[in-house]
Amino acid sequence: MKPVVSIIMGSTSDLPVMEKAAAFFDSMEIPFEMLALSAHRTPREVEKFATEAKGRGIKVIIAAAGMAAHLGGVIASLTTVPVIGVPIRSSFDGLDSLLAIVQMPPGIPVATVGVNGALNAAILAAQMLALADPQVDARMEDYKRSLTQKIVKANEELSRLEYKFKC
């Protein structure tokens, strides 16, 4: 089994957030890898990773970082593999991370999800993979249907709640 998605985080302190992406890929049967790489502390390793990712079969990279959050942009500057940035809540409630990832120069796109949005990053990555993989597409269709069913079930449960002035 070879990974098709890389989950990269600036440090292992980001793992509690990024585990949501890992759990989603497990549930979707999408092979992935997880690495800690820092744009500031391990720039040579980041460059090696980014320049070799496509050749290793990586189709989507999820890059999580807090504070200055340059990891996704640095990776995107070195590869044509799509990069999804996950701003991590650290200082300034994650706003600094969000702005660092969103404001990329022309030619270096990083798709960005909300602060601590690892699950949405994984869903977006799976949707990208589903374009070329009918099995992933079918699992994503099932997943989207399950979201609908959760709301249908929630409304059924809400309808059974009794309050004096509830209509």
N, C-alpha and C. Protein backbone atom coordinates (compact mmCIF):
# COMPACT_ATOMS: atom_id res chain seq x y z
N MET A 1 0.86 -1.18 0.00
CA MET A 1 0.00 0.00 0.00
C MET A 1 0.90 1.24 0.00
N LYS A 2 0.63 2.14 -0.93
CA LYS A 2 1.39 3.38 -1.03
C LYS A 2 0.47 4.56 -0.75
N PRO A 3 0.97 5.54 0.00
CA PRO A 3 0.11 6.69 0.31
C PRO A 3 -0.18 7.53 -0.93
N VAL A 4 -1.39 8.07 -0.98
CA VAL A 4 -1.77 9.01 -2.04
C VAL A 4 -2.02 10.40 -1.47
N VAL A 5 -2.11 10.49 -0.14
CA VAL A 5 -2.27 11.76 0.54
C VAL A 5 -1.19 11.88 1.60
N SER A 6 -0.64 13.08 1.72
CA SER A 6 0.30 13.37 2.81
C SER A 6 -0.35 14.35 3.76
N ILE A 7 -0.32 14.01 5.03
CA ILE A 7 -0.73 14.93 6.08
C ILE A 7 0.57 15.42 6.71
N ILE A 8 0.84 16.70 6.51
CA ILE A 8 2.07 17.28 7.02
C ILE A 8 1.70 18.30 8.09
N MET A 9 2.40 18.25 9.20
CA MET A 9 2.14 19.23 10.25
C MET A 9 3.45 19.85 10.71
N GLY A 10 3.36 21.10 11.12
CA GLY A 10 4.54 21.83 11.54
C GLY A 10 5.21 21.24 12.76
N SER A 11 4.43 20.61 13.62
CA SER A 11 4.99 19.90 14.77
C SER A 11 3.94 18.91 15.26
N THR A 12 4.37 17.98 16.09
CA THR A 12 3.42 16.98 16.59
C THR A 12 2.40 17.58 17.55
N SER A 13 2.59 18.81 17.97
CA SER A 13 1.56 19.46 18.79
C SER A 13 0.28 19.68 17.99
N ASP A 14 0.37 19.59 16.65
CA ASP A 14 -0.79 19.73 15.77
C ASP A 14 -1.57 18.41 15.63
N LEU A 15 -1.01 17.32 16.13
CA LEU A 15 -1.62 16.00 15.95
C LEU A 15 -3.05 15.90 16.47
N PRO A 16 -3.38 16.44 17.64
CA PRO A 16 -4.78 16.32 18.09
C PRO A 16 -5.79 16.89 17.09
N VAL A 17 -5.42 17.92 16.37
CA VAL A 17 -6.30 18.47 15.33
C VAL A 17 -6.27 17.58 14.09
N MET A 18 -5.10 17.17 13.68
CA MET A 18 -4.94 16.46 12.41
C MET A 18 -5.40 15.01 12.46
N GLU A 19 -5.60 14.47 13.66
CA GLU A 19 -6.12 13.11 13.78
C GLU A 19 -7.49 12.96 13.13
N LYS A 20 -8.25 14.04 13.07
CA LYS A 20 -9.57 13.98 12.42
C LYS A 20 -9.41 13.65 10.94
N ALA A 21 -8.39 14.20 10.30
CA ALA A 21 -8.13 13.90 8.89
C ALA A 21 -7.71 12.44 8.75
N ALA A 22 -6.83 12.00 9.63
CA ALA A 22 -6.35 10.61 9.57
C ALA A 22 -7.51 9.63 9.75
N ALA A 23 -8.38 9.90 10.70
CA ALA A 23 -9.53 9.01 10.95
C ALA A 23 -10.46 8.98 9.73
N PHE A 24 -10.65 10.14 9.09
CA PHE A 24 -11.50 10.18 7.90
C PHE A 24 -10.88 9.34 6.77
N PHE A 25 -9.59 9.50 6.52
CA PHE A 25 -8.95 8.71 5.47
C PHE A 25 -9.03 7.22 5.77
N ASP A 26 -8.88 6.85 7.03
CA ASP A 26 -9.05 5.44 7.40
C ASP A 26 -10.45 4.96 7.05
N SER A 27 -11.46 5.77 7.40
CA SER A 27 -12.84 5.36 7.13
C SER A 27 -13.14 5.28 5.63
N MET A 28 -12.44 6.09 4.84
CA MET A 28 -12.63 6.10 3.39
C MET A 28 -11.70 5.13 2.66
N GLU A 29 -10.84 4.43 3.43
CA GLU A 29 -9.88 3.48 2.87
C GLU A 29 -8.93 4.15 1.88
N ILE A 30 -8.47 5.35 2.24
CA ILE A 30 -7.54 6.12 1.42
C ILE A 30 -6.17 6.06 2.10
N PRO A 31 -5.18 5.47 1.44
CA PRO A 31 -3.84 5.38 2.04
C PRO A 31 -3.21 6.77 2.20
N PHE A 32 -2.65 7.02 3.38
CA PHE A 32 -2.05 8.32 3.66
C PHE A 32 -0.81 8.14 4.51
N GLU A 33 -0.03 9.21 4.58
CA GLU A 33 1.12 9.24 5.47
C GLU A 33 1.01 10.48 6.33
N MET A 34 1.68 10.47 7.47
CA MET A 34 1.71 11.63 8.37
C MET A 34 3.16 11.93 8.70
N LEU A 35 3.53 13.20 8.53
CA LEU A 35 4.89 13.62 8.82
C LEU A 35 4.88 14.96 9.54
N ALA A 36 5.88 15.17 10.39
CA ALA A 36 6.11 16.48 10.99
C ALA A 36 7.27 17.11 10.24
N LEU A 37 7.00 18.23 9.60
CA LEU A 37 8.02 19.00 8.88
C LEU A 37 7.78 20.47 9.18
N SER A 38 8.84 21.21 9.36
CA SER A 38 8.70 22.62 9.68
C SER A 38 9.36 23.48 8.61
N ALA A 39 8.61 24.44 8.09
CA ALA A 39 9.16 25.35 7.09
C ALA A 39 10.33 26.14 7.65
N HIS A 40 10.34 26.33 8.97
CA HIS A 40 11.38 27.15 9.59
C HIS A 40 12.50 26.34 10.23
N ARG A 41 12.17 25.18 10.77
CA ARG A 41 13.17 24.38 11.48
C ARG A 41 13.79 23.28 10.62
N THR A 42 13.06 22.82 9.61
CA THR A 42 13.59 21.76 8.74
C THR A 42 13.37 22.12 7.27
N PRO A 43 13.82 23.27 6.80
CA PRO A 43 13.53 23.69 5.43
C PRO A 43 14.08 22.74 4.36
N ARG A 44 15.23 22.13 4.60
CA ARG A 44 15.79 21.20 3.60
C ARG A 44 14.92 19.95 3.47
N GLU A 45 14.42 19.46 4.60
CA GLU A 45 13.54 18.29 4.58
C GLU A 45 12.21 18.62 3.90
N VAL A 46 11.70 19.83 4.13
CA VAL A 46 10.47 20.26 3.46
C VAL A 46 10.69 20.29 1.95
N GLU A 47 11.81 20.85 1.52
CA GLU A 47 12.12 20.91 0.09
C GLU A 47 12.22 19.51 -0.51
N LYS A 48 12.92 18.61 0.16
CA LYS A 48 13.05 17.23 -0.33
C LYS A 48 11.67 16.56 -0.42
N PHE A 49 10.87 16.71 0.64
CA PHE A 49 9.53 16.14 0.62
C PHE A 49 8.72 16.66 -0.56
N ALA A 50 8.67 17.98 -0.70
CA ALA A 50 7.82 18.61 -1.72
C ALA A 50 8.27 18.24 -3.13
N THR A 51 9.54 18.23 -3.38
CA THR A 51 10.03 17.95 -4.74
C THR A 51 9.91 16.47 -5.10
N GLU A 52 9.81 15.61 -4.11
CA GLU A 52 9.70 14.17 -4.37
C GLU A 52 8.28 13.63 -4.24
N ALA A 53 7.36 14.42 -3.72
CA ALA A 53 6.01 13.93 -3.42
C ALA A 53 5.31 13.35 -4.65
N LYS A 54 5.28 14.09 -5.73
CA LYS A 54 4.58 13.64 -6.94
C LYS A 54 5.17 12.32 -7.45
N GLY A 55 6.47 12.24 -7.48
CA GLY A 55 7.14 11.02 -7.94
C GLY A 55 6.86 9.81 -7.06
N ARG A 56 6.52 10.05 -5.80
CA ARG A 56 6.17 8.95 -4.88
C ARG A 56 4.70 8.58 -4.96
N GLY A 57 3.94 9.27 -5.82
CA GLY A 57 2.53 8.94 -5.98
C GLY A 57 1.58 9.75 -5.12
N ILE A 58 2.07 10.78 -4.46
CA ILE A 58 1.21 11.63 -3.64
C ILE A 58 0.37 12.49 -4.57
N LYS A 59 -0.95 12.50 -4.34
CA LYS A 59 -1.87 13.23 -5.20
C LYS A 59 -2.42 14.50 -4.55
N VAL A 60 -2.43 14.54 -3.22
CA VAL A 60 -2.89 15.72 -2.48
C VAL A 60 -2.06 15.82 -1.19
N ILE A 61 -1.71 17.04 -0.84
CA ILE A 61 -0.97 17.30 0.39
C ILE A 61 -1.81 18.19 1.29
N ILE A 62 -1.95 17.79 2.54
CA ILE A 62 -2.60 18.62 3.54
C ILE A 62 -1.50 19.12 4.46
N ALA A 63 -1.37 20.44 4.56
CA ALA A 63 -0.31 21.03 5.36
C ALA A 63 -0.91 21.86 6.49
N ALA A 64 -0.66 21.45 7.72
CA ALA A 64 -1.20 22.14 8.89
C ALA A 64 -0.09 22.90 9.58
N ALA A 65 -0.37 24.14 9.94
CA ALA A 65 0.63 24.93 10.65
C ALA A 65 -0.06 26.04 11.43
N GLY A 66 0.56 26.41 12.52
CA GLY A 66 0.07 27.50 13.33
C GLY A 66 1.02 28.68 13.28
N MET A 67 0.60 29.74 13.89
CA MET A 67 1.36 30.98 13.99
C MET A 67 1.72 31.52 12.60
N ALA A 68 3.00 31.56 12.23
CA ALA A 68 3.39 32.13 10.94
C ALA A 68 2.86 31.29 9.77
N ALA A 69 2.72 30.00 9.95
CA ALA A 69 2.02 29.09 9.03
C ALA A 69 2.51 29.16 7.59
N HIS A 70 3.80 29.08 7.39
CA HIS A 70 4.36 29.12 6.04
C HIS A 70 4.48 27.76 5.38
N LEU A 71 4.22 26.69 6.10
CA LEU A 71 4.46 25.33 5.61
C LEU A 71 3.74 25.05 4.29
N GLY A 72 2.44 25.29 4.23
CA GLY A 72 1.68 25.01 3.01
C GLY A 72 2.18 25.79 1.82
N GLY A 73 2.48 27.05 2.01
CA GLY A 73 2.97 27.89 0.92
C GLY A 73 4.33 27.46 0.42
N VAL A 74 5.21 27.11 1.33
CA VAL A 74 6.54 26.63 0.92
C VAL A 74 6.40 25.35 0.11
N ILE A 75 5.58 24.42 0.60
CA ILE A 75 5.38 23.16 -0.12
C ILE A 75 4.77 23.45 -1.50
N ALA A 76 3.74 24.30 -1.55
CA ALA A 76 3.08 24.62 -2.82
C ALA A 76 4.03 25.27 -3.82
N SER A 77 5.02 25.98 -3.32
CA SER A 77 5.97 26.63 -4.22
C SER A 77 6.93 25.64 -4.87
N LEU A 78 6.99 24.43 -4.34
CA LEU A 78 7.97 23.44 -4.80
C LEU A 78 7.36 22.24 -5.52
N THR A 79 6.03 22.22 -5.68
CA THR A 79 5.38 21.06 -6.30
C THR A 79 4.14 21.51 -7.06
N THR A 80 3.68 20.66 -7.97
CA THR A 80 2.40 20.90 -8.64
C THR A 80 1.28 20.08 -8.02
N VAL A 81 1.59 19.31 -7.00
CA VAL A 81 0.57 18.55 -6.27
C VAL A 81 -0.30 19.56 -5.52
N PRO A 82 -1.63 19.42 -5.58
CA PRO A 82 -2.49 20.34 -4.83
C PRO A 82 -2.20 20.31 -3.34
N VAL A 83 -2.19 21.49 -2.73
CA VAL A 83 -1.94 21.63 -1.30
C VAL A 83 -3.16 22.27 -0.65
N ILE A 84 -3.59 21.65 0.45
CA ILE A 84 -4.69 22.18 1.25
C ILE A 84 -4.10 22.59 2.59
N GLY A 85 -4.28 23.85 2.95
CA GLY A 85 -3.75 24.35 4.21
C GLY A 85 -4.77 24.27 5.33
N VAL A 86 -4.30 23.86 6.50
CA VAL A 86 -5.13 23.84 7.70
C VAL A 86 -4.48 24.79 8.71
N PRO A 87 -5.08 25.96 8.91
CA PRO A 87 -4.56 26.85 9.94
C PRO A 87 -4.85 26.27 11.32
N ILE A 88 -3.83 26.24 12.16
CA ILE A 88 -3.98 25.69 13.50
C ILE A 88 -4.16 26.83 14.51
N ARG A 89 -5.13 26.67 15.39
CA ARG A 89 -5.37 27.67 16.42
C ARG A 89 -4.19 27.65 17.39
N SER A 90 -3.49 28.73 17.44
CA SER A 90 -2.41 28.88 18.40
C SER A 90 -2.53 30.27 19.01
N SER A 91 -1.79 31.21 18.52
CA SER A 91 -1.96 32.58 19.01
C SER A 91 -3.05 33.28 18.20
N PHE A 92 -3.59 34.35 18.72
CA PHE A 92 -4.62 35.15 18.05
C PHE A 92 -5.81 34.32 17.58
N ASP A 93 -6.11 33.25 18.31
CA ASP A 93 -7.25 32.38 18.01
C ASP A 93 -7.16 31.75 16.62
N GLY A 94 -5.96 31.67 16.06
CA GLY A 94 -5.76 31.06 14.76
C GLY A 94 -5.86 32.02 13.59
N LEU A 95 -6.21 33.28 13.87
CA LEU A 95 -6.34 34.26 12.79
C LEU A 95 -5.01 34.49 12.09
N ASP A 96 -3.92 34.52 12.84
CA ASP A 96 -2.60 34.71 12.23
C ASP A 96 -2.29 33.56 11.27
N SER A 97 -2.61 32.33 11.67
CA SER A 97 -2.37 31.17 10.81
C SER A 97 -3.24 31.23 9.56
N LEU A 98 -4.50 31.56 9.75
CA LEU A 98 -5.43 31.65 8.62
C LEU A 98 -4.95 32.67 7.60
N LEU A 99 -4.59 33.85 8.07
CA LEU A 99 -4.15 34.89 7.14
C LEU A 99 -2.84 34.51 6.45
N ALA A 100 -1.94 33.85 7.15
CA ALA A 100 -0.67 33.44 6.55
C ALA A 100 -0.90 32.44 5.42
N ILE A 101 -1.87 31.57 5.58
CA ILE A 101 -2.11 30.54 4.56
C ILE A 101 -2.94 31.08 3.40
N VAL A 102 -3.93 31.90 3.70
CA VAL A 102 -4.84 32.40 2.67
C VAL A 102 -4.16 33.39 1.72
N GLN A 103 -3.26 34.19 2.23
CA GLN A 103 -2.70 35.27 1.42
C GLN A 103 -1.45 34.84 0.67
N MET A 104 -1.63 33.96 -0.28
CA MET A 104 -0.51 33.47 -1.08
C MET A 104 -0.35 34.34 -2.33
N PRO A 105 0.89 34.45 -2.80
CA PRO A 105 1.10 35.24 -4.02
C PRO A 105 0.56 34.52 -5.25
N PRO A 106 0.29 35.26 -6.32
CA PRO A 106 -0.18 34.62 -7.56
C PRO A 106 0.78 33.51 -8.01
N GLY A 107 0.19 32.41 -8.41
CA GLY A 107 0.98 31.28 -8.90
C GLY A 107 1.29 30.24 -7.85
N ILE A 108 1.03 30.53 -6.59
CA ILE A 108 1.31 29.58 -5.50
C ILE A 108 0.02 29.38 -4.69
N PRO A 109 -0.98 28.71 -5.27
CA PRO A 109 -2.23 28.54 -4.54
C PRO A 109 -2.13 27.50 -3.43
N VAL A 110 -2.80 27.80 -2.34
CA VAL A 110 -3.00 26.84 -1.26
C VAL A 110 -4.48 26.91 -0.91
N ALA A 111 -5.22 25.85 -1.22
CA ALA A 111 -6.62 25.80 -0.81
C ALA A 111 -6.62 25.80 0.71
N THR A 112 -7.53 26.55 1.31
CA THR A 112 -7.48 26.71 2.76
C THR A 112 -8.85 26.44 3.37
N VAL A 113 -8.84 25.67 4.44
CA VAL A 113 -10.07 25.41 5.18
C VAL A 113 -10.04 26.26 6.45
N GLY A 114 -11.08 26.17 7.24
CA GLY A 114 -11.17 26.97 8.45
C GLY A 114 -10.14 26.57 9.50
N VAL A 115 -10.01 27.40 10.50
CA VAL A 115 -9.09 27.14 11.60
C VAL A 115 -9.42 25.79 12.24
N ASN A 116 -8.41 24.96 12.39
CA ASN A 116 -8.54 23.60 12.93
C ASN A 116 -9.46 22.71 12.08
N GLY A 117 -9.60 23.03 10.81
CA GLY A 117 -10.52 22.32 9.92
C GLY A 117 -9.95 21.09 9.26
N ALA A 118 -9.30 20.23 10.02
CA ALA A 118 -8.67 19.04 9.46
C ALA A 118 -9.66 18.12 8.76
N LEU A 119 -10.84 17.96 9.33
CA LEU A 119 -11.82 17.08 8.71
C LEU A 119 -12.23 17.62 7.33
N ASN A 120 -12.50 18.92 7.24
CA ASN A 120 -12.86 19.48 5.94
C ASN A 120 -11.71 19.36 4.94
N ALA A 121 -10.49 19.47 5.40
CA ALA A 121 -9.34 19.29 4.51
C ALA A 121 -9.32 17.87 3.96
N ALA A 122 -9.58 16.91 4.82
CA ALA A 122 -9.60 15.51 4.38
C ALA A 122 -10.75 15.25 3.41
N ILE A 123 -11.91 15.83 3.69
CA ILE A 123 -13.05 15.66 2.78
C ILE A 123 -12.74 16.28 1.42
N LEU A 124 -12.16 17.47 1.41
CA LEU A 124 -11.78 18.10 0.15
C LEU A 124 -10.76 17.26 -0.61
N ALA A 125 -9.78 16.74 0.08
CA ALA A 125 -8.78 15.88 -0.56
C ALA A 125 -9.44 14.64 -1.15
N ALA A 126 -10.35 14.03 -0.42
CA ALA A 126 -11.05 12.84 -0.92
C ALA A 126 -11.90 13.17 -2.14
N GLN A 127 -12.53 14.35 -2.14
CA GLN A 127 -13.31 14.76 -3.31
C GLN A 127 -12.40 14.94 -4.53
N MET A 128 -11.21 15.46 -4.32
CA MET A 128 -10.25 15.58 -5.42
C MET A 128 -9.87 14.20 -5.95
N LEU A 129 -9.58 13.28 -5.04
CA LEU A 129 -9.21 11.92 -5.44
C LEU A 129 -10.37 11.22 -6.14
N ALA A 130 -11.59 11.51 -5.71
CA ALA A 130 -12.77 10.86 -6.27
C ALA A 130 -12.96 11.17 -7.75
N LEU A 131 -12.42 12.26 -8.21
CA LEU A 131 -12.54 12.61 -9.63
C LEU A 131 -11.93 11.55 -10.54
N ALA A 132 -10.91 10.86 -10.04
CA ALA A 132 -10.22 9.86 -10.86
C ALA A 132 -10.32 8.44 -10.28
N ASP A 133 -11.06 8.28 -9.19
CA ASP A 133 -11.14 6.97 -8.54
C ASP A 133 -12.60 6.66 -8.22
N PRO A 134 -13.23 5.79 -9.01
CA PRO A 134 -14.65 5.47 -8.80
C PRO A 134 -14.96 4.89 -7.42
N GLN A 135 -14.02 4.15 -6.84
CA GLN A 135 -14.27 3.58 -5.51
C GLN A 135 -14.32 4.68 -4.45
N VAL A 136 -13.39 5.62 -4.52
CA VAL A 136 -13.42 6.73 -3.58
C VAL A 136 -14.67 7.57 -3.82
N ASP A 137 -15.04 7.75 -5.09
CA ASP A 137 -16.25 8.50 -5.42
C ASP A 137 -17.47 7.86 -4.78
N ALA A 138 -17.59 6.55 -4.87
CA ALA A 138 -18.74 5.86 -4.28
C ALA A 138 -18.75 6.02 -2.76
N ARG A 139 -17.59 5.92 -2.12
CA ARG A 139 -17.53 6.10 -0.67
C ARG A 139 -17.88 7.53 -0.28
N MET A 140 -17.48 8.49 -1.10
CA MET A 140 -17.82 9.89 -0.81
C MET A 140 -19.32 10.13 -0.98
N GLU A 141 -19.91 9.50 -1.99
CA GLU A 141 -21.37 9.61 -2.15
C GLU A 141 -22.08 9.07 -0.91
N ASP A 142 -21.62 7.92 -0.41
CA ASP A 142 -22.20 7.35 0.81
C ASP A 142 -22.01 8.29 1.99
N TYR A 143 -20.84 8.86 2.09
CA TYR A 143 -20.55 9.78 3.20
C TYR A 143 -21.50 10.98 3.15
N LYS A 144 -21.67 11.57 1.98
CA LYS A 144 -22.55 12.74 1.84
C LYS A 144 -24.00 12.36 2.19
N ARG A 145 -24.42 11.17 1.78
CA ARG A 145 -25.77 10.71 2.14
C ARG A 145 -25.90 10.57 3.66
N SER A 146 -24.83 10.10 4.31
CA SER A 146 -24.89 9.93 5.76
C SER A 146 -25.04 11.27 6.47
N LEU A 147 -24.48 12.32 5.89
CA LEU A 147 -24.64 13.66 6.48
C LEU A 147 -26.10 14.07 6.45
N THR A 148 -26.77 13.78 5.33
CA THR A 148 -28.20 14.08 5.20
C THR A 148 -28.99 13.30 6.23
N GLN A 149 -28.67 12.03 6.39
CA GLN A 149 -29.40 11.19 7.33
C GLN A 149 -29.23 11.67 8.77
N LYS A 150 -28.07 12.21 9.11
CA LYS A 150 -27.85 12.74 10.46
C LYS A 150 -28.82 13.87 10.76
N ILE A 151 -29.05 14.73 9.77
CA ILE A 151 -29.96 15.87 9.97
C ILE A 151 -31.41 15.39 10.03
N VAL A 152 -31.76 14.43 9.17
CA VAL A 152 -33.12 13.86 9.21
C VAL A 152 -33.38 13.26 10.58
N LYS A 153 -32.41 12.49 11.09
CA LYS A 153 -32.56 11.88 12.41
C LYS A 153 -32.63 12.94 13.50
N ALA A 154 -31.81 13.97 13.40
CA ALA A 154 -31.84 15.05 14.40
C ALA A 154 -33.20 15.72 14.45
N ASN A 155 -33.80 15.96 13.29
CA ASN A 155 -35.12 16.59 13.25
C ASN A 155 -36.19 15.68 13.84
N GLU A 156 -36.07 14.38 13.62
CA GLU A 156 -37.01 13.44 14.23
C GLU A 156 -36.91 13.52 15.75
N GLU A 157 -35.66 13.57 16.25
CA GLU A 157 -35.46 13.66 17.70
C GLU A 157 -35.97 14.99 18.25
N LEU A 158 -35.73 16.07 17.53
CA LEU A 158 -36.22 17.37 17.97
C LEU A 158 -37.74 17.42 18.00
N SER A 159 -38.38 16.74 17.08
CA SER A 159 -39.84 16.76 17.04
C SER A 159 -40.45 16.08 18.26
N ARG A 160 -39.71 15.21 18.91
CA ARG A 160 -40.21 14.50 20.10
C ARG A 160 -39.98 15.28 21.39
N LEU A 161 -39.21 16.34 21.34
CA LEU A 161 -38.98 17.14 22.54
C LEU A 161 -40.24 17.92 22.89
N GLU A 162 -40.55 17.94 24.17
CA GLU A 162 -41.75 18.64 24.59
C GLU A 162 -41.40 19.83 25.47
N TYR A 163 -41.97 20.98 25.09
CA TYR A 163 -41.86 22.20 25.87
C TYR A 163 -43.23 22.83 25.93
N LYS A 164 -43.47 23.59 26.91
CA LYS A 164 -44.77 24.20 27.15
C LYS A 164 -45.21 25.07 25.94
N PHE A 165 -44.30 25.85 25.37
CA PHE A 165 -44.67 26.74 24.28
C PHE A 165 -44.11 26.31 22.93
N LYS A 166 -43.66 25.08 22.81
CA LYS A 166 -43.16 24.60 21.53
C LYS A 166 -44.32 24.18 20.65
N CYS A 167 -44.34 24.68 19.44
CA CYS A 167 -45.42 24.35 18.50
C CYS A 167 -45.06 23.15 17.67
